[in-house]
Each structure stands twice: as structure tokens, then as C-alpha cells.
Amino acid sequence: MKVEKHLVDNGAGWRLGLTRFAAVDGSLLASGARPVLVIPGYGMNSFIFRFHPSGPSMVETLAAR
């Protein structure tokens, strides 16, 4: 899986960290697939979406499907 990290200025003085996961060949979507947007809740960062102690993370599972 290819991971792209971006910092995007929101126009209000904040830079938002965005991460995009793509297939190894660089394609973003398989034919017929729909994108998934995952937004962490208040008081939490996105680390938990990419971590699993013994198997694929939530992001890896969603991207594989």
C-alpha cells in the first residue's frame, strides 16, 4: 500500500494533516470501488486507525476491501 501525507492550509491559520492510502501501483481506486473518508473524533488523533497489535489495521482492512 502506498501512503501519501499532505499538510493542507485551511485558510484560518491551521494546517491539517491528511493521509491518503493508495494501491502499490499508485491507483487510488479499484474499478467500481468507492472512497472512504475517516475522521477522528474530538480529543483523538488518527493513530488508532492505523494501529493493530496483531493484525491488519482498520485502514488496511478498509483499503483492501
N, C-alpha and C. Protein backbone atom coordinates (compact mmCIF):
# COMPACT_ATOMS: atom_id res chain seq x y z
N MET A 1 0.83 -1.16 0.00
CA MET A 1 0.00 0.00 0.00
C MET A 1 0.89 1.24 0.00
N LYS A 2 0.56 2.19 -0.84
CA LYS A 2 1.30 3.46 -0.92
C LYS A 2 0.63 4.47 0.01
N VAL A 3 1.43 5.19 0.81
CA VAL A 3 0.90 6.17 1.75
C VAL A 3 1.41 7.55 1.35
N GLU A 4 0.49 8.50 1.18
CA GLU A 4 0.85 9.88 0.85
C GLU A 4 0.40 10.76 2.00
N LYS A 5 1.30 11.60 2.51
CA LYS A 5 0.96 12.52 3.60
C LYS A 5 1.01 13.94 3.07
N HIS A 6 0.01 14.74 3.45
CA HIS A 6 -0.09 16.12 2.99
C HIS A 6 -0.46 17.02 4.16
N LEU A 7 0.03 18.25 4.14
CA LEU A 7 -0.40 19.29 5.06
C LEU A 7 -1.14 20.34 4.23
N VAL A 8 -2.39 20.60 4.59
CA VAL A 8 -3.24 21.49 3.81
C VAL A 8 -3.63 22.68 4.67
N ASP A 9 -3.40 23.89 4.17
CA ASP A 9 -3.78 25.12 4.87
C ASP A 9 -5.29 25.28 4.76
N ASN A 10 -5.96 25.48 5.89
CA ASN A 10 -7.42 25.61 5.86
C ASN A 10 -7.89 27.06 5.71
N GLY A 11 -6.96 27.98 5.55
CA GLY A 11 -7.32 29.39 5.35
C GLY A 11 -7.60 30.13 6.65
N ALA A 12 -7.54 29.45 7.78
CA ALA A 12 -7.80 30.08 9.08
C ALA A 12 -6.58 29.96 10.00
N GLY A 13 -5.42 29.74 9.41
CA GLY A 13 -4.20 29.66 10.20
C GLY A 13 -3.83 28.27 10.69
N TRP A 14 -4.56 27.26 10.26
CA TRP A 14 -4.27 25.88 10.66
C TRP A 14 -3.83 25.07 9.46
N ARG A 15 -2.89 24.16 9.68
CA ARG A 15 -2.51 23.21 8.63
C ARG A 15 -3.03 21.84 9.04
N LEU A 16 -3.87 21.28 8.20
CA LEU A 16 -4.49 19.99 8.51
C LEU A 16 -3.66 18.86 7.92
N GLY A 17 -3.40 17.84 8.71
CA GLY A 17 -2.65 16.67 8.23
C GLY A 17 -3.60 15.68 7.57
N LEU A 18 -3.36 15.39 6.31
CA LEU A 18 -4.18 14.44 5.57
C LEU A 18 -3.30 13.29 5.11
N THR A 19 -3.83 12.08 5.17
CA THR A 19 -3.11 10.89 4.71
C THR A 19 -3.99 10.17 3.71
N ARG A 20 -3.40 9.84 2.56
CA ARG A 20 -4.13 9.10 1.52
C ARG A 20 -3.43 7.77 1.32
N PHE A 21 -4.22 6.71 1.28
CA PHE A 21 -3.70 5.36 1.07
C PHE A 21 -4.10 4.92 -0.33
N ALA A 22 -3.15 4.44 -1.09
CA ALA A 22 -3.40 4.02 -2.47
C ALA A 22 -2.78 2.64 -2.69
N ALA A 23 -3.19 2.01 -3.77
CA ALA A 23 -2.61 0.72 -4.13
C ALA A 23 -1.12 0.91 -4.43
N VAL A 24 -0.36 -0.15 -4.39
CA VAL A 24 1.08 -0.07 -4.62
C VAL A 24 1.38 0.53 -5.99
N ASP A 25 0.53 0.26 -6.99
CA ASP A 25 0.76 0.80 -8.34
C ASP A 25 0.40 2.28 -8.45
N GLY A 26 -0.08 2.89 -7.34
CA GLY A 26 -0.39 4.31 -7.33
C GLY A 26 -1.84 4.62 -7.63
N SER A 27 -2.62 3.63 -8.07
CA SER A 27 -4.02 3.89 -8.35
C SER A 27 -4.75 4.11 -7.02
N LEU A 28 -5.71 5.02 -7.02
CA LEU A 28 -6.41 5.33 -5.78
C LEU A 28 -7.61 4.44 -5.57
N LEU A 29 -8.27 4.04 -6.65
CA LEU A 29 -9.48 3.23 -6.51
C LEU A 29 -9.49 2.09 -7.50
N ALA A 30 -9.91 0.95 -7.05
CA ALA A 30 -10.14 -0.17 -7.96
C ALA A 30 -11.42 0.13 -8.73
N SER A 31 -11.58 -0.49 -9.85
CA SER A 31 -12.77 -0.28 -10.66
C SER A 31 -14.02 -0.57 -9.83
N GLY A 32 -14.92 0.39 -9.76
CA GLY A 32 -16.17 0.22 -9.03
C GLY A 32 -16.08 0.48 -7.53
N ALA A 33 -14.90 0.71 -7.00
CA ALA A 33 -14.74 0.95 -5.56
C ALA A 33 -15.13 2.39 -5.23
N ARG A 34 -15.53 2.59 -3.99
CA ARG A 34 -15.88 3.93 -3.53
C ARG A 34 -14.88 4.38 -2.47
N PRO A 35 -14.54 5.67 -2.42
CA PRO A 35 -13.59 6.15 -1.42
C PRO A 35 -14.19 6.07 -0.01
N VAL A 36 -13.29 6.02 0.99
CA VAL A 36 -13.69 6.02 2.39
C VAL A 36 -13.01 7.20 3.05
N LEU A 37 -13.77 8.02 3.76
CA LEU A 37 -13.24 9.15 4.50
C LEU A 37 -13.38 8.84 5.98
N VAL A 38 -12.25 8.82 6.69
CA VAL A 38 -12.25 8.51 8.12
C VAL A 38 -11.80 9.76 8.86
N ILE A 39 -12.64 10.24 9.78
CA ILE A 39 -12.36 11.48 10.51
C ILE A 39 -12.33 11.15 12.00
N PRO A 40 -11.19 11.42 12.68
CA PRO A 40 -11.13 11.13 14.11
C PRO A 40 -12.05 12.07 14.88
N GLY A 41 -12.49 11.61 16.05
CA GLY A 41 -13.38 12.41 16.89
C GLY A 41 -12.63 13.41 17.74
N TYR A 42 -13.37 14.15 18.50
CA TYR A 42 -12.81 15.16 19.40
C TYR A 42 -11.86 14.51 20.40
N GLY A 43 -10.71 15.11 20.60
CA GLY A 43 -9.76 14.63 21.59
C GLY A 43 -9.00 13.37 21.20
N MET A 44 -9.01 13.05 19.93
CA MET A 44 -8.35 11.83 19.48
C MET A 44 -7.64 12.12 18.16
N ASN A 45 -6.53 11.45 17.92
CA ASN A 45 -5.89 11.62 16.62
C ASN A 45 -6.10 10.36 15.78
N SER A 46 -5.54 10.35 14.60
CA SER A 46 -5.80 9.25 13.67
C SER A 46 -4.89 8.04 13.88
N PHE A 47 -4.01 8.08 14.87
CA PHE A 47 -3.10 6.96 15.12
C PHE A 47 -3.85 5.63 15.25
N ILE A 48 -4.97 5.66 15.96
CA ILE A 48 -5.70 4.43 16.26
C ILE A 48 -6.21 3.74 15.00
N PHE A 49 -6.45 4.47 13.94
CA PHE A 49 -6.94 3.88 12.70
C PHE A 49 -5.88 3.06 11.98
N ARG A 50 -4.60 3.39 12.23
CA ARG A 50 -3.51 2.70 11.54
C ARG A 50 -2.75 1.73 12.43
N PHE A 51 -3.28 1.44 13.60
CA PHE A 51 -2.58 0.57 14.55
C PHE A 51 -3.43 -0.66 14.89
N HIS A 52 -2.80 -1.80 14.90
CA HIS A 52 -3.39 -3.01 15.45
C HIS A 52 -2.23 -3.87 15.93
N PRO A 53 -2.27 -4.36 17.16
CA PRO A 53 -1.10 -5.05 17.70
C PRO A 53 -0.81 -6.41 17.06
N SER A 54 -1.80 -7.05 16.44
CA SER A 54 -1.53 -8.40 15.94
C SER A 54 -2.11 -8.70 14.56
N GLY A 55 -2.64 -7.73 13.88
CA GLY A 55 -3.24 -7.98 12.56
C GLY A 55 -3.33 -6.71 11.76
N PRO A 56 -4.09 -6.75 10.67
CA PRO A 56 -4.20 -5.54 9.84
C PRO A 56 -5.00 -4.46 10.58
N SER A 57 -4.60 -3.23 10.36
CA SER A 57 -5.29 -2.10 10.98
C SER A 57 -6.63 -1.85 10.31
N MET A 58 -7.41 -0.94 10.88
CA MET A 58 -8.69 -0.59 10.27
C MET A 58 -8.49 -0.01 8.88
N VAL A 59 -7.51 0.86 8.72
CA VAL A 59 -7.22 1.46 7.42
C VAL A 59 -6.81 0.39 6.41
N GLU A 60 -5.95 -0.54 6.80
CA GLU A 60 -5.52 -1.60 5.89
C GLU A 60 -6.69 -2.49 5.49
N THR A 61 -7.57 -2.77 6.44
CA THR A 61 -8.74 -3.61 6.15
C THR A 61 -9.68 -2.91 5.17
N LEU A 62 -9.97 -1.63 5.43
CA LEU A 62 -10.85 -0.87 4.53
C LEU A 62 -10.24 -0.74 3.14
N ALA A 63 -8.96 -0.45 3.06
CA ALA A 63 -8.30 -0.27 1.76
C ALA A 63 -8.27 -1.57 0.97
N ALA A 64 -8.11 -2.69 1.67
CA ALA A 64 -8.06 -3.98 0.98
C ALA A 64 -9.43 -4.37 0.39
N ARG A 65 -10.49 -3.86 0.98
CA ARG A 65 -11.83 -4.20 0.50
C ARG A 65 -12.31 -3.21 -0.51
